[in-house]
N, C-alpha and C. Protein backbone atom coordinates (compact mmCIF):
# COMPACT_ATOMS: atom_id res chain seq x y z
N UNK A 1 8.64 10.21 -3.56
CA UNK A 1 7.21 9.97 -3.54
C UNK A 1 6.53 11.02 -2.67
N UNK A 2 5.23 11.10 -2.82
CA UNK A 2 4.45 12.03 -2.01
C UNK A 2 3.78 11.27 -0.87
N UNK A 3 3.52 11.98 0.21
CA UNK A 3 2.98 11.35 1.42
C UNK A 3 1.62 10.70 1.17
N UNK A 4 0.81 11.28 0.29
CA UNK A 4 -0.53 10.72 0.05
C UNK A 4 -0.48 9.47 -0.84
N UNK A 5 0.67 9.13 -1.41
CA UNK A 5 0.82 7.94 -2.24
C UNK A 5 1.24 6.71 -1.44
N UNK A 6 1.65 6.89 -0.19
CA UNK A 6 2.16 5.79 0.63
C UNK A 6 0.99 5.02 1.24
N UNK A 7 1.03 3.70 1.11
CA UNK A 7 -0.01 2.83 1.66
C UNK A 7 0.62 1.86 2.66
N UNK A 8 -0.04 1.69 3.78
CA UNK A 8 0.40 0.76 4.82
C UNK A 8 0.39 -0.67 4.28
N UNK A 9 1.47 -1.42 4.56
CA UNK A 9 1.55 -2.81 4.14
C UNK A 9 2.24 -3.02 2.80
N UNK A 10 2.38 -1.99 1.99
CA UNK A 10 3.04 -2.13 0.69
C UNK A 10 4.55 -2.12 0.86
N UNK A 11 5.24 -2.64 -0.12
CA UNK A 11 6.70 -2.70 -0.10
C UNK A 11 7.25 -1.67 -1.07
N UNK A 12 8.23 -0.88 -0.60
CA UNK A 12 8.84 0.18 -1.39
C UNK A 12 10.35 0.00 -1.40
N UNK A 13 11.00 0.54 -2.41
CA UNK A 13 12.45 0.58 -2.45
C UNK A 13 12.89 1.82 -1.67
N UNK A 14 13.89 1.66 -0.82
CA UNK A 14 14.40 2.78 -0.02
C UNK A 14 15.92 2.65 0.06
N UNK A 15 16.62 3.77 0.02
CA UNK A 15 18.07 3.74 0.10
C UNK A 15 18.49 3.82 1.56
N UNK A 16 19.22 2.79 2.02
CA UNK A 16 19.69 2.71 3.40
C UNK A 16 21.19 2.42 3.36
N UNK A 17 21.97 3.29 3.94
CA UNK A 17 23.43 3.12 4.01
C UNK A 17 24.06 2.86 2.65
N UNK A 18 23.61 3.57 1.65
CA UNK A 18 24.21 3.49 0.33
C UNK A 18 23.71 2.39 -0.57
N UNK A 19 22.75 1.58 -0.12
CA UNK A 19 22.20 0.53 -0.99
C UNK A 19 20.68 0.60 -0.97
N UNK A 20 20.09 0.17 -2.06
CA UNK A 20 18.62 0.16 -2.18
C UNK A 20 18.12 -1.17 -1.67
N UNK A 21 17.20 -1.12 -0.71
CA UNK A 21 16.66 -2.33 -0.09
C UNK A 21 15.13 -2.25 -0.08
N UNK A 22 14.46 -3.40 -0.02
CA UNK A 22 13.00 -3.39 0.10
C UNK A 22 12.57 -3.08 1.53
N UNK A 23 11.56 -2.25 1.67
CA UNK A 23 11.05 -1.85 2.98
C UNK A 23 9.53 -1.96 2.97
N UNK A 24 8.98 -2.66 3.95
CA UNK A 24 7.52 -2.76 4.07
C UNK A 24 7.05 -1.74 5.09
N UNK A 25 6.10 -0.91 4.70
CA UNK A 25 5.58 0.13 5.58
C UNK A 25 4.68 -0.52 6.63
N UNK A 26 5.03 -0.31 7.90
CA UNK A 26 4.27 -0.88 9.01
C UNK A 26 3.20 0.10 9.48
N UNK A 27 3.60 1.37 9.62
CA UNK A 27 2.67 2.40 10.10
C UNK A 27 2.98 3.69 9.35
N UNK A 28 1.94 4.38 8.90
CA UNK A 28 2.10 5.64 8.20
C UNK A 28 1.03 6.62 8.66
N UNK A 29 1.45 7.77 9.17
CA UNK A 29 0.49 8.76 9.66
C UNK A 29 1.08 10.15 9.50
N UNK A 30 0.33 11.04 8.93
CA UNK A 30 0.73 12.45 8.83
C UNK A 30 2.07 12.71 8.17
N UNK A 31 2.43 11.94 7.17
CA UNK A 31 3.69 12.14 6.49
C UNK A 31 4.90 11.51 7.15
N UNK A 32 4.70 10.76 8.22
CA UNK A 32 5.78 10.07 8.92
C UNK A 32 5.35 8.64 9.20
N UNK A 33 6.33 7.78 9.47
CA UNK A 33 5.95 6.41 9.76
C UNK A 33 7.13 5.52 10.07
N UNK A 34 6.84 4.22 10.09
CA UNK A 34 7.83 3.20 10.37
C UNK A 34 7.75 2.12 9.31
N UNK A 35 8.89 1.48 9.04
CA UNK A 35 8.91 0.40 8.08
C UNK A 35 9.88 -0.67 8.52
N UNK A 36 9.73 -1.87 7.95
CA UNK A 36 10.62 -2.99 8.24
C UNK A 36 11.50 -3.26 7.03
N UNK A 37 12.81 -3.20 7.24
CA UNK A 37 13.77 -3.53 6.20
C UNK A 37 13.68 -5.03 5.96
N UNK A 38 13.27 -5.45 4.78
CA UNK A 38 13.10 -6.87 4.49
C UNK A 38 14.42 -7.58 4.27
N UNK A 39 15.48 -6.84 4.09
CA UNK A 39 16.81 -7.46 3.92
C UNK A 39 17.43 -7.81 5.26
N UNK A 40 17.30 -6.92 6.26
CA UNK A 40 17.91 -7.17 7.56
C UNK A 40 16.90 -7.45 8.66
N UNK A 41 15.63 -7.06 8.47
CA UNK A 41 14.61 -7.24 9.50
C UNK A 41 14.53 -6.10 10.50
N UNK A 42 15.37 -5.09 10.34
CA UNK A 42 15.37 -3.97 11.28
C UNK A 42 14.27 -2.97 10.97
N UNK A 43 13.85 -2.23 11.99
CA UNK A 43 12.84 -1.18 11.84
C UNK A 43 13.51 0.12 11.45
N UNK A 44 12.90 0.84 10.52
CA UNK A 44 13.42 2.11 10.04
C UNK A 44 12.37 3.18 10.26
N UNK A 45 12.80 4.33 10.77
CA UNK A 45 11.91 5.47 10.96
C UNK A 45 11.90 6.27 9.67
N UNK A 46 10.72 6.57 9.16
CA UNK A 46 10.58 7.36 7.94
C UNK A 46 10.10 8.75 8.33
N UNK A 47 10.99 9.73 8.22
CA UNK A 47 10.62 11.10 8.57
C UNK A 47 9.91 11.83 7.45
N UNK A 48 10.05 11.33 6.23
CA UNK A 48 9.32 11.92 5.11
C UNK A 48 9.17 10.87 4.01
N UNK A 49 8.25 11.12 3.10
CA UNK A 49 8.02 10.20 1.99
C UNK A 49 9.11 10.30 0.95
N UNK A 50 9.94 11.33 1.00
CA UNK A 50 11.00 11.50 0.01
C UNK A 50 12.04 10.39 0.07
N UNK A 51 12.14 9.70 1.17
CA UNK A 51 13.11 8.62 1.32
C UNK A 51 12.72 7.39 0.51
N UNK A 52 11.44 7.22 0.23
CA UNK A 52 10.95 6.07 -0.52
C UNK A 52 11.13 6.30 -2.01
N UNK A 53 11.55 5.26 -2.72
CA UNK A 53 11.80 5.38 -4.16
C UNK A 53 10.58 5.03 -4.98
N UNK A 54 10.18 3.76 -4.96
CA UNK A 54 9.07 3.29 -5.78
C UNK A 54 8.44 2.07 -5.12
N UNK A 55 7.18 1.83 -5.44
CA UNK A 55 6.50 0.62 -4.96
C UNK A 55 7.07 -0.58 -5.71
N UNK A 56 7.26 -1.70 -5.00
CA UNK A 56 7.85 -2.89 -5.59
C UNK A 56 6.83 -4.01 -5.73
N UNK A 57 6.96 -4.77 -6.78
CA UNK A 57 6.15 -5.97 -6.97
C UNK A 57 6.83 -7.12 -6.23
N UNK A 58 6.14 -8.22 -5.99
CA UNK A 58 6.77 -9.36 -5.31
C UNK A 58 8.02 -9.88 -6.04
N UNK A 59 8.01 -9.87 -7.38
CA UNK A 59 9.19 -10.32 -8.13
C UNK A 59 10.37 -9.40 -7.91
N UNK A 60 10.14 -8.09 -7.84
CA UNK A 60 11.22 -7.14 -7.60
C UNK A 60 11.81 -7.33 -6.20
N UNK A 61 10.96 -7.58 -5.21
CA UNK A 61 11.42 -7.79 -3.84
C UNK A 61 12.32 -9.03 -3.80
N UNK A 62 11.90 -10.09 -4.45
CA UNK A 62 12.69 -11.32 -4.49
C UNK A 62 14.05 -11.07 -5.13
N UNK A 63 14.07 -10.33 -6.24
CA UNK A 63 15.33 -10.04 -6.92
C UNK A 63 16.27 -9.22 -6.04
N UNK A 64 15.74 -8.21 -5.34
CA UNK A 64 16.58 -7.39 -4.47
C UNK A 64 17.18 -8.21 -3.33
N UNK A 65 16.37 -9.04 -2.71
CA UNK A 65 16.83 -9.82 -1.56
C UNK A 65 17.85 -10.88 -2.00
N UNK A 66 17.66 -11.48 -3.17
CA UNK A 66 18.53 -12.55 -3.63
C UNK A 66 19.84 -12.04 -4.22
N UNK A 67 19.84 -10.88 -4.88
CA UNK A 67 21.04 -10.44 -5.60
C UNK A 67 22.00 -9.62 -4.75
N UNK A 68 21.56 -8.96 -3.71
CA UNK A 68 22.47 -8.12 -2.91
C UNK A 68 23.61 -8.93 -2.32
N UNK A 69 23.38 -10.08 -1.68
CA UNK A 69 24.52 -10.84 -1.14
C UNK A 69 25.47 -11.34 -2.23
N UNK A 70 24.94 -11.68 -3.39
CA UNK A 70 25.78 -12.17 -4.49
C UNK A 70 26.70 -11.06 -4.98
N UNK A 71 26.18 -9.86 -5.16
CA UNK A 71 26.98 -8.73 -5.62
C UNK A 71 28.03 -8.36 -4.57
N UNK A 72 27.65 -8.33 -3.30
CA UNK A 72 28.61 -8.00 -2.25
C UNK A 72 29.74 -9.03 -2.19
N UNK A 73 29.42 -10.31 -2.35
CA UNK A 73 30.44 -11.36 -2.34
C UNK A 73 31.39 -11.18 -3.52
N UNK A 74 30.84 -10.89 -4.69
CA UNK A 74 31.67 -10.68 -5.88
C UNK A 74 32.61 -9.50 -5.68
N UNK A 75 32.09 -8.40 -5.16
CA UNK A 75 32.92 -7.21 -4.93
C UNK A 75 34.02 -7.51 -3.93
N UNK A 76 33.70 -8.22 -2.87
CA UNK A 76 34.69 -8.53 -1.84
C UNK A 76 35.80 -9.43 -2.38
N UNK A 77 35.45 -10.36 -3.24
CA UNK A 77 36.43 -11.31 -3.77
C UNK A 77 37.26 -10.73 -4.91
N UNK A 78 36.66 -9.94 -5.79
CA UNK A 78 37.33 -9.54 -7.02
C UNK A 78 37.76 -8.07 -7.07
N UNK A 79 37.00 -7.19 -6.52
CA UNK A 79 37.27 -5.76 -6.68
C UNK A 79 38.01 -5.18 -5.47
N UNK A 80 37.56 -5.52 -4.28
CA UNK A 80 38.07 -4.87 -3.08
C UNK A 80 39.42 -5.41 -2.63
N UNK A 81 39.87 -6.53 -3.14
CA UNK A 81 41.17 -7.11 -2.73
C UNK A 81 42.31 -6.56 -3.54
């Protein structure tokens, strides 16, 4: 994404530690900012807008938060053993 497309308070998809999670932008100024990971609640520093994937709708946020633990549990039980 481009820096001028980012809006404070909106939720975006961002890749953190190899997985895509919803992130709400808390503060955005001059191409840099901070966001809250809605999956873990941790604060993330955004050094550029390139880290953000796409704006998410409320339904997309719900799906991301609900399905990640289910997929991880399935992988742990069936694939990783």
